[in-house]
Amino acid sequence: MPSRSSNPGGASRVRRRALLGTAVLVVLVALAGLAAYLTRDGRGSSNAEAPPASSPSPSSSAASPSGPPSPRSRPHSLPAPPDTHDPIAFGKAAAEVLWSYDTRAYSQAELLTALHRWLTTETKYADPASVDKAVPSPVLWKEMAANGQFATAKVHEGHFPNAFTRALQEDPGAITQAYVYAVTVSGKQSIAWKGSPAGGAESRSTTLAVQCRPDHPCALVGVMPSVAP
């Protein structure tokens, strides 16, 4: 957890965020680390791991014997956030794009830019660093691109963690300050590259913080440092 800033301005920011987020923190404090996540002075990094550089597993779209098509020859689009007010539906969509990438179709910087569009515009809650942590570094991306590596994801289910649900039941009104929900998503990620054989898929799970205000579509707050059951 970040240390308390000795700078008066920094301390003021911490107090302001604490006041603004008091109600939502009552709900989310049961999830380890989330209270600090929403009220910290800095923008700490998540412990979420970036996709592995290589792992023999299949993709939902098989590569041709001569290798995958070039970026110019295959249609592609960068992920855009869904227009939904359902935090679980949004969390499932966000997990799917965080587990998917295609080094043949776009650069690492382009993917990061697209993912940042999923973040809430309320900067006191948004944590872009946790999203960046889930994407391979520029150096690793370059190595992966040399092999034409790409990953696809299939989401199995999404739910509110048990602790979050219990806290909401005890104080339903506590969510109405920031409207930030915890959503745990599970699924599988398949990775493939030039000449890769078919193999198994890797199970993935993550807990996301999702903001869904009644008058605005859901947006991503960030990726939690650990998975909440």
Foldseek 3Di string as FASTA:
>chain_A
DDDQDPDPVLNVQLVVQCVLQVLVCLLVVLPPPVNCLLRPSDQDEAQAAADDLDDQAQAPDHADLQWHDAQVVDDDDADAQDQALDQFVRVQSLVQNLLWDWLRHDALVVNLVRNCNQADPPVSQARSNHSNNHHDDNVSSVVSSVFRKIKGWDWDGKDAFPSSVVSCVVPVCSCQSFQKGKMKTKTWMGMDTTPRDHDHTHIDMWIFIWHRHPVGGIGGRHTHNDGGD
